[in-house]
Amino acid sequence: MNTATLPYAGAVAPREAWRMHCEEGAVIVDVRTRPEWEFVGAYPGATFIEWRGYGAPGPNPNFLAELRSRFSPDTTLLFLCRSGGRSHQAATLAAAAGYPHAFNILEGFEGEKGPDGRRGHQGWRAAGLPWQQG
């Protein structure tokens, strides 16, 4: 992906995000809803900050405050959601708020729906990266 057109540091595939997390100490911030974490599964080493709560009419008004309370602006942040949309929004907001090392994890945790109408053919889980359910 051409990072020159992104409003944040870059977009990375799940395996590259995992490498950055393991080798460079980048922090994975899962921005999905609590039900997604609990019922779909999650990487247990991630920090959870909901971008939008389940059933909420808009983004979490405390998102940026929660991010700032946990991480300094020099932290490399890897945002993860279901398929890459909410994490794009979170990385955009973080970069605009002074986090120059904000990245979006492409394909998210489960990716877009496949030909069978189900998710899970792409993303973190499909890449065989660590996760657990419940």
N, C-alpha and C. Protein backbone atom coordinates (compact mmCIF):
# COMPACT_ATOMS: atom_id res chain seq x y z
N MET A 1 0.84 -1.18 0.00
CA MET A 1 0.00 0.00 0.00
C MET A 1 0.89 1.24 0.00
N ASN A 2 0.48 2.24 -0.75
CA ASN A 2 1.23 3.49 -0.83
C ASN A 2 1.01 4.31 0.43
N THR A 3 2.01 4.34 1.30
CA THR A 3 1.86 5.05 2.57
C THR A 3 1.89 6.56 2.41
N ALA A 4 2.30 7.06 1.25
CA ALA A 4 2.35 8.51 1.03
C ALA A 4 0.95 9.12 1.04
N THR A 5 -0.07 8.32 0.74
CA THR A 5 -1.44 8.84 0.69
C THR A 5 -2.19 8.63 2.00
N LEU A 6 -1.59 7.99 2.96
CA LEU A 6 -2.25 7.72 4.24
C LEU A 6 -2.03 8.88 5.21
N PRO A 7 -3.01 9.14 6.07
CA PRO A 7 -2.84 10.21 7.07
C PRO A 7 -2.09 9.75 8.32
N TYR A 8 -1.52 8.55 8.29
CA TYR A 8 -0.76 8.00 9.42
C TYR A 8 0.48 7.32 8.88
N ALA A 9 1.27 6.71 9.75
CA ALA A 9 2.60 6.20 9.38
C ALA A 9 2.58 5.08 8.34
N GLY A 10 1.55 4.26 8.34
CA GLY A 10 1.52 3.18 7.37
C GLY A 10 0.47 2.14 7.65
N ALA A 11 0.30 1.25 6.68
CA ALA A 11 -0.63 0.13 6.78
C ALA A 11 0.19 -1.14 6.59
N VAL A 12 0.03 -2.08 7.48
CA VAL A 12 0.84 -3.30 7.45
C VAL A 12 -0.04 -4.54 7.48
N ALA A 13 0.44 -5.59 6.85
CA ALA A 13 -0.24 -6.88 6.89
C ALA A 13 -0.11 -7.47 8.29
N PRO A 14 -0.99 -8.40 8.65
CA PRO A 14 -0.93 -8.98 9.98
C PRO A 14 0.43 -9.56 10.38
N ARG A 15 1.08 -10.28 9.49
CA ARG A 15 2.39 -10.86 9.84
C ARG A 15 3.45 -9.78 10.07
N GLU A 16 3.40 -8.68 9.32
CA GLU A 16 4.34 -7.59 9.54
C GLU A 16 4.04 -6.91 10.88
N ALA A 17 2.77 -6.77 11.21
CA ALA A 17 2.40 -6.20 12.51
C ALA A 17 2.94 -7.08 13.64
N TRP A 18 2.81 -8.38 13.48
CA TRP A 18 3.32 -9.31 14.49
C TRP A 18 4.83 -9.17 14.65
N ARG A 19 5.54 -9.05 13.52
CA ARG A 19 6.99 -8.87 13.57
C ARG A 19 7.33 -7.57 14.30
N MET A 20 6.64 -6.48 13.98
CA MET A 20 6.89 -5.19 14.63
C MET A 20 6.61 -5.28 16.13
N HIS A 21 5.59 -6.01 16.49
CA HIS A 21 5.23 -6.19 17.90
C HIS A 21 6.32 -6.98 18.63
N CYS A 22 6.74 -8.07 18.05
CA CYS A 22 7.72 -8.95 18.69
C CYS A 22 9.14 -8.38 18.67
N GLU A 23 9.55 -7.82 17.56
CA GLU A 23 10.94 -7.39 17.40
C GLU A 23 11.19 -5.93 17.76
N GLU A 24 10.17 -5.09 17.63
CA GLU A 24 10.37 -3.66 17.85
C GLU A 24 9.58 -3.12 19.05
N GLY A 25 8.78 -3.96 19.66
CA GLY A 25 8.00 -3.52 20.81
C GLY A 25 6.79 -2.68 20.49
N ALA A 26 6.34 -2.72 19.24
CA ALA A 26 5.12 -1.98 18.87
C ALA A 26 3.94 -2.56 19.65
N VAL A 27 3.01 -1.69 19.99
CA VAL A 27 1.85 -2.06 20.79
C VAL A 27 0.65 -2.30 19.88
N ILE A 28 -0.02 -3.41 20.07
CA ILE A 28 -1.24 -3.70 19.32
C ILE A 28 -2.42 -3.18 20.12
N VAL A 29 -3.20 -2.30 19.49
CA VAL A 29 -4.39 -1.73 20.11
C VAL A 29 -5.60 -2.25 19.35
N ASP A 30 -6.37 -3.11 20.00
CA ASP A 30 -7.56 -3.70 19.40
C ASP A 30 -8.72 -2.75 19.66
N VAL A 31 -9.33 -2.24 18.59
CA VAL A 31 -10.37 -1.22 18.72
C VAL A 31 -11.78 -1.78 18.48
N ARG A 32 -11.90 -3.09 18.45
CA ARG A 32 -13.22 -3.71 18.25
C ARG A 32 -14.07 -3.57 19.52
N THR A 33 -15.30 -4.01 19.44
CA THR A 33 -16.21 -3.95 20.59
C THR A 33 -15.92 -5.09 21.56
N ARG A 34 -16.34 -4.88 22.78
CA ARG A 34 -16.15 -5.92 23.80
C ARG A 34 -16.76 -7.26 23.36
N PRO A 35 -17.99 -7.31 22.79
CA PRO A 35 -18.50 -8.61 22.33
C PRO A 35 -17.61 -9.27 21.27
N GLU A 36 -17.00 -8.47 20.41
CA GLU A 36 -16.10 -9.05 19.41
C GLU A 36 -14.90 -9.70 20.09
N TRP A 37 -14.33 -9.01 21.08
CA TRP A 37 -13.17 -9.57 21.79
C TRP A 37 -13.55 -10.88 22.46
N GLU A 38 -14.72 -10.88 23.12
CA GLU A 38 -15.11 -12.03 23.92
C GLU A 38 -15.61 -13.21 23.10
N PHE A 39 -16.37 -12.94 22.03
CA PHE A 39 -17.02 -14.02 21.30
C PHE A 39 -16.33 -14.43 20.00
N VAL A 40 -15.64 -13.50 19.35
CA VAL A 40 -14.95 -13.82 18.10
C VAL A 40 -13.53 -14.28 18.39
N GLY A 41 -12.92 -13.66 19.41
CA GLY A 41 -11.55 -13.98 19.78
C GLY A 41 -10.67 -12.76 19.71
N ALA A 42 -9.49 -12.86 20.29
CA ALA A 42 -8.58 -11.71 20.33
C ALA A 42 -7.16 -12.19 20.62
N TYR A 43 -6.22 -11.32 20.29
CA TYR A 43 -4.84 -11.56 20.70
C TYR A 43 -4.74 -11.11 22.16
N PRO A 44 -4.43 -12.01 23.10
CA PRO A 44 -4.43 -11.65 24.51
C PRO A 44 -3.39 -10.61 24.91
N GLY A 45 -2.40 -10.36 24.07
CA GLY A 45 -1.38 -9.36 24.37
C GLY A 45 -1.75 -7.96 23.91
N ALA A 46 -2.92 -7.82 23.33
CA ALA A 46 -3.35 -6.50 22.83
C ALA A 46 -3.90 -5.64 23.96
N THR A 47 -3.86 -4.34 23.73
CA THR A 47 -4.54 -3.38 24.59
C THR A 47 -5.90 -3.13 23.96
N PHE A 48 -6.95 -3.17 24.75
CA PHE A 48 -8.29 -3.00 24.22
C PHE A 48 -8.83 -1.61 24.53
N ILE A 49 -9.16 -0.88 23.47
CA ILE A 49 -9.83 0.42 23.60
C ILE A 49 -10.89 0.43 22.49
N GLU A 50 -12.15 0.36 22.86
CA GLU A 50 -13.21 0.34 21.86
C GLU A 50 -13.25 1.64 21.05
N TRP A 51 -13.30 1.50 19.73
CA TRP A 51 -13.48 2.67 18.87
C TRP A 51 -14.94 3.12 18.96
N ARG A 52 -15.83 2.15 18.95
CA ARG A 52 -17.25 2.41 19.09
C ARG A 52 -17.84 1.25 19.88
N GLY A 53 -18.49 1.57 20.97
CA GLY A 53 -19.09 0.52 21.79
C GLY A 53 -20.22 -0.18 21.05
N TYR A 54 -20.49 -1.39 21.41
CA TYR A 54 -21.55 -2.17 20.77
C TYR A 54 -22.87 -1.42 20.88
N GLY A 55 -23.49 -1.12 19.74
CA GLY A 55 -24.76 -0.42 19.71
C GLY A 55 -24.68 1.08 19.88
N ALA A 56 -23.47 1.61 20.06
CA ALA A 56 -23.30 3.05 20.25
C ALA A 56 -23.57 3.79 18.93
N PRO A 57 -24.13 4.98 19.02
CA PRO A 57 -24.45 5.73 17.80
C PRO A 57 -23.23 6.36 17.11
N GLY A 58 -22.13 6.44 17.82
CA GLY A 58 -20.94 7.07 17.24
C GLY A 58 -19.69 6.58 17.93
N PRO A 59 -18.55 7.13 17.51
CA PRO A 59 -17.28 6.73 18.11
C PRO A 59 -17.22 6.99 19.61
N ASN A 60 -16.41 6.24 20.29
CA ASN A 60 -16.17 6.36 21.72
C ASN A 60 -15.62 7.77 22.00
N PRO A 61 -16.35 8.61 22.72
CA PRO A 61 -15.88 9.96 22.98
C PRO A 61 -14.63 10.02 23.86
N ASN A 62 -14.33 8.91 24.53
CA ASN A 62 -13.16 8.84 25.41
C ASN A 62 -11.97 8.13 24.76
N PHE A 63 -12.10 7.80 23.49
CA PHE A 63 -11.05 7.02 22.83
C PHE A 63 -9.67 7.68 22.96
N LEU A 64 -9.58 8.92 22.58
CA LEU A 64 -8.29 9.60 22.61
C LEU A 64 -7.76 9.76 24.03
N ALA A 65 -8.64 10.06 24.98
CA ALA A 65 -8.21 10.18 26.38
C ALA A 65 -7.68 8.84 26.90
N GLU A 66 -8.35 7.74 26.53
CA GLU A 66 -7.89 6.41 26.94
C GLU A 66 -6.54 6.10 26.32
N LEU A 67 -6.38 6.45 25.05
CA LEU A 67 -5.10 6.22 24.37
C LEU A 67 -3.99 7.02 25.05
N ARG A 68 -4.25 8.29 25.30
CA ARG A 68 -3.24 9.15 25.93
C ARG A 68 -2.90 8.71 27.35
N SER A 69 -3.86 8.14 28.06
CA SER A 69 -3.59 7.71 29.44
C SER A 69 -2.69 6.47 29.48
N ARG A 70 -2.62 5.75 28.37
CA ARG A 70 -1.84 4.51 28.34
C ARG A 70 -0.52 4.61 27.57
N PHE A 71 -0.45 5.52 26.57
CA PHE A 71 0.72 5.53 25.70
C PHE A 71 1.23 6.94 25.44
N SER A 72 2.54 7.07 25.43
CA SER A 72 3.17 8.35 25.09
C SER A 72 3.15 8.50 23.57
N PRO A 73 3.27 9.72 23.08
CA PRO A 73 3.23 9.95 21.63
C PRO A 73 4.35 9.28 20.85
N ASP A 74 5.42 8.87 21.50
CA ASP A 74 6.51 8.22 20.76
C ASP A 74 6.32 6.70 20.63
N THR A 75 5.22 6.18 21.16
CA THR A 75 4.93 4.75 21.08
C THR A 75 4.50 4.38 19.67
N THR A 76 4.99 3.26 19.17
CA THR A 76 4.51 2.74 17.89
C THR A 76 3.25 1.95 18.17
N LEU A 77 2.15 2.38 17.55
CA LEU A 77 0.84 1.78 17.78
C LEU A 77 0.34 1.09 16.52
N LEU A 78 -0.11 -0.13 16.67
CA LEU A 78 -0.65 -0.94 15.58
C LEU A 78 -2.13 -1.15 15.87
N PHE A 79 -3.00 -0.49 15.13
CA PHE A 79 -4.44 -0.57 15.39
C PHE A 79 -5.06 -1.74 14.63
N LEU A 80 -5.90 -2.50 15.34
CA LEU A 80 -6.52 -3.71 14.82
C LEU A 80 -8.03 -3.64 15.04
N CYS A 81 -8.80 -3.97 14.00
CA CYS A 81 -10.25 -4.10 14.16
C CYS A 81 -10.69 -5.37 13.43
N ARG A 82 -11.93 -5.45 13.02
CA ARG A 82 -12.41 -6.66 12.35
C ARG A 82 -11.82 -6.82 10.95
N SER A 83 -11.89 -5.73 10.15
CA SER A 83 -11.45 -5.85 8.76
C SER A 83 -10.59 -4.68 8.27
N GLY A 84 -10.29 -3.72 9.11
CA GLY A 84 -9.40 -2.63 8.74
C GLY A 84 -10.04 -1.25 8.66
N GLY A 85 -11.34 -1.15 8.78
CA GLY A 85 -12.02 0.14 8.70
C GLY A 85 -11.93 0.98 9.95
N ARG A 86 -12.34 0.42 11.08
CA ARG A 86 -12.27 1.17 12.34
C ARG A 86 -10.83 1.44 12.74
N SER A 87 -9.94 0.50 12.44
CA SER A 87 -8.53 0.71 12.78
C SER A 87 -7.93 1.83 11.92
N HIS A 88 -8.41 1.97 10.69
CA HIS A 88 -7.99 3.09 9.84
C HIS A 88 -8.41 4.41 10.50
N GLN A 89 -9.64 4.47 10.97
CA GLN A 89 -10.14 5.68 11.64
C GLN A 89 -9.36 5.96 12.92
N ALA A 90 -9.07 4.93 13.69
CA ALA A 90 -8.32 5.11 14.94
C ALA A 90 -6.90 5.58 14.66
N ALA A 91 -6.25 5.00 13.65
CA ALA A 91 -4.88 5.43 13.30
C ALA A 91 -4.89 6.86 12.80
N THR A 92 -5.91 7.24 12.05
CA THR A 92 -6.04 8.60 11.55
C THR A 92 -6.16 9.59 12.70
N LEU A 93 -7.03 9.28 13.66
CA LEU A 93 -7.22 10.15 14.82
C LEU A 93 -5.94 10.23 15.65
N ALA A 94 -5.31 9.08 15.88
CA ALA A 94 -4.08 9.06 16.68
C ALA A 94 -2.99 9.92 16.03
N ALA A 95 -2.82 9.78 14.73
CA ALA A 95 -1.80 10.56 14.04
C ALA A 95 -2.10 12.05 14.13
N ALA A 96 -3.36 12.42 13.95
CA ALA A 96 -3.76 13.84 14.04
C ALA A 96 -3.57 14.39 15.45
N ALA A 97 -3.61 13.49 16.44
CA ALA A 97 -3.46 13.90 17.85
C ALA A 97 -2.01 13.86 18.33
N GLY A 98 -1.07 13.64 17.41
CA GLY A 98 0.33 13.70 17.79
C GLY A 98 1.04 12.37 17.97
N TYR A 99 0.46 11.28 17.44
CA TYR A 99 1.11 9.97 17.49
C TYR A 99 1.65 9.68 16.08
N PRO A 100 2.90 10.05 15.80
CA PRO A 100 3.42 9.90 14.44
C PRO A 100 3.71 8.46 14.01
N HIS A 101 3.69 7.53 14.96
CA HIS A 101 3.99 6.12 14.66
C HIS A 101 2.74 5.26 14.77
N ALA A 102 1.65 5.74 14.18
CA ALA A 102 0.37 5.02 14.19
C ALA A 102 0.23 4.24 12.88
N PHE A 103 -0.10 2.95 12.99
CA PHE A 103 -0.25 2.08 11.83
C PHE A 103 -1.61 1.38 11.87
N ASN A 104 -2.12 1.07 10.70
CA ASN A 104 -3.34 0.28 10.57
C ASN A 104 -2.93 -1.13 10.18
N ILE A 105 -3.52 -2.13 10.82
CA ILE A 105 -3.28 -3.52 10.44
C ILE A 105 -4.33 -3.89 9.38
N LEU A 106 -3.85 -4.09 8.16
CA LEU A 106 -4.73 -4.44 7.05
C LEU A 106 -5.44 -5.77 7.30
N GLU A 107 -6.62 -5.88 6.79
CA GLU A 107 -7.45 -7.09 6.89
C GLU A 107 -8.00 -7.31 8.29
N GLY A 108 -7.49 -6.62 9.30
CA GLY A 108 -8.00 -6.75 10.65
C GLY A 108 -7.86 -8.14 11.24
N PHE A 109 -8.76 -8.44 12.16
CA PHE A 109 -8.71 -9.72 12.85
C PHE A 109 -9.29 -10.86 12.01
N GLU A 110 -10.37 -10.56 11.24
CA GLU A 110 -11.01 -11.61 10.45
C GLU A 110 -11.23 -11.30 8.99
N GLY A 111 -10.89 -10.10 8.53
CA GLY A 111 -11.00 -9.76 7.12
C GLY A 111 -12.42 -9.56 6.63
N GLU A 112 -12.51 -9.28 5.34
CA GLU A 112 -13.82 -9.10 4.69
C GLU A 112 -14.50 -10.45 4.51
N LYS A 113 -15.77 -10.43 4.18
CA LYS A 113 -16.49 -11.67 3.92
C LYS A 113 -15.95 -12.32 2.66
N GLY A 114 -15.81 -13.63 2.71
CA GLY A 114 -15.33 -14.40 1.56
C GLY A 114 -16.48 -14.80 0.66
N PRO A 115 -16.21 -15.60 -0.36
CA PRO A 115 -17.24 -16.05 -1.30
C PRO A 115 -18.38 -16.81 -0.62
N ASP A 116 -18.09 -17.39 0.52
CA ASP A 116 -19.12 -18.15 1.25
C ASP A 116 -19.95 -17.27 2.17
N GLY A 117 -19.68 -15.94 2.15
CA GLY A 117 -20.44 -15.02 2.99
C GLY A 117 -19.97 -14.94 4.42
N ARG A 118 -18.87 -15.58 4.72
CA ARG A 118 -18.33 -15.59 6.09
C ARG A 118 -16.98 -14.89 6.14
N ARG A 119 -16.66 -14.39 7.32
CA ARG A 119 -15.35 -13.78 7.56
C ARG A 119 -14.38 -14.88 8.01
N GLY A 120 -13.11 -14.53 8.09
CA GLY A 120 -12.13 -15.48 8.61
C GLY A 120 -11.17 -16.02 7.58
N HIS A 121 -11.35 -15.62 6.32
CA HIS A 121 -10.45 -16.08 5.26
C HIS A 121 -9.20 -15.22 5.16
N GLN A 122 -9.23 -14.06 5.80
CA GLN A 122 -8.12 -13.12 5.80
C GLN A 122 -7.85 -12.69 7.23
N GLY A 123 -6.85 -11.87 7.40
CA GLY A 123 -6.62 -11.22 8.69
C GLY A 123 -5.74 -11.98 9.66
N TRP A 124 -5.74 -11.47 10.86
CA TRP A 124 -4.90 -11.96 11.95
C TRP A 124 -5.06 -13.45 12.16
N ARG A 125 -6.29 -13.89 12.34
CA ARG A 125 -6.56 -15.30 12.61
C ARG A 125 -6.13 -16.19 11.45
N ALA A 126 -6.50 -15.79 10.23
CA ALA A 126 -6.17 -16.60 9.05
C ALA A 126 -4.66 -16.68 8.82
N ALA A 127 -3.92 -15.68 9.30
CA ALA A 127 -2.47 -15.69 9.17
C ALA A 127 -1.80 -16.63 10.17
N GLY A 128 -2.61 -17.23 11.04
CA GLY A 128 -2.06 -18.17 12.02
C GLY A 128 -1.36 -17.52 13.18
N LEU A 129 -1.69 -16.26 13.46
CA LEU A 129 -1.05 -15.54 14.57
C LEU A 129 -1.76 -15.87 15.88
N PRO A 130 -1.11 -15.64 17.02
CA PRO A 130 -1.70 -16.03 18.31
C PRO A 130 -3.02 -15.33 18.59
N TRP A 131 -3.98 -16.11 19.08
CA TRP A 131 -5.26 -15.58 19.50
C TRP A 131 -5.94 -16.60 20.39
N GLN A 132 -6.94 -16.13 21.09
CA GLN A 132 -7.75 -17.03 21.90
C GLN A 132 -9.17 -16.50 21.93
N GLN A 133 -10.08 -17.39 22.24
CA GLN A 133 -11.49 -17.01 22.28
C GLN A 133 -11.98 -17.09 23.71
N GLY A 134 -12.78 -16.07 24.08
CA GLY A 134 -13.37 -16.07 25.41
C GLY A 134 -12.45 -15.82 26.46
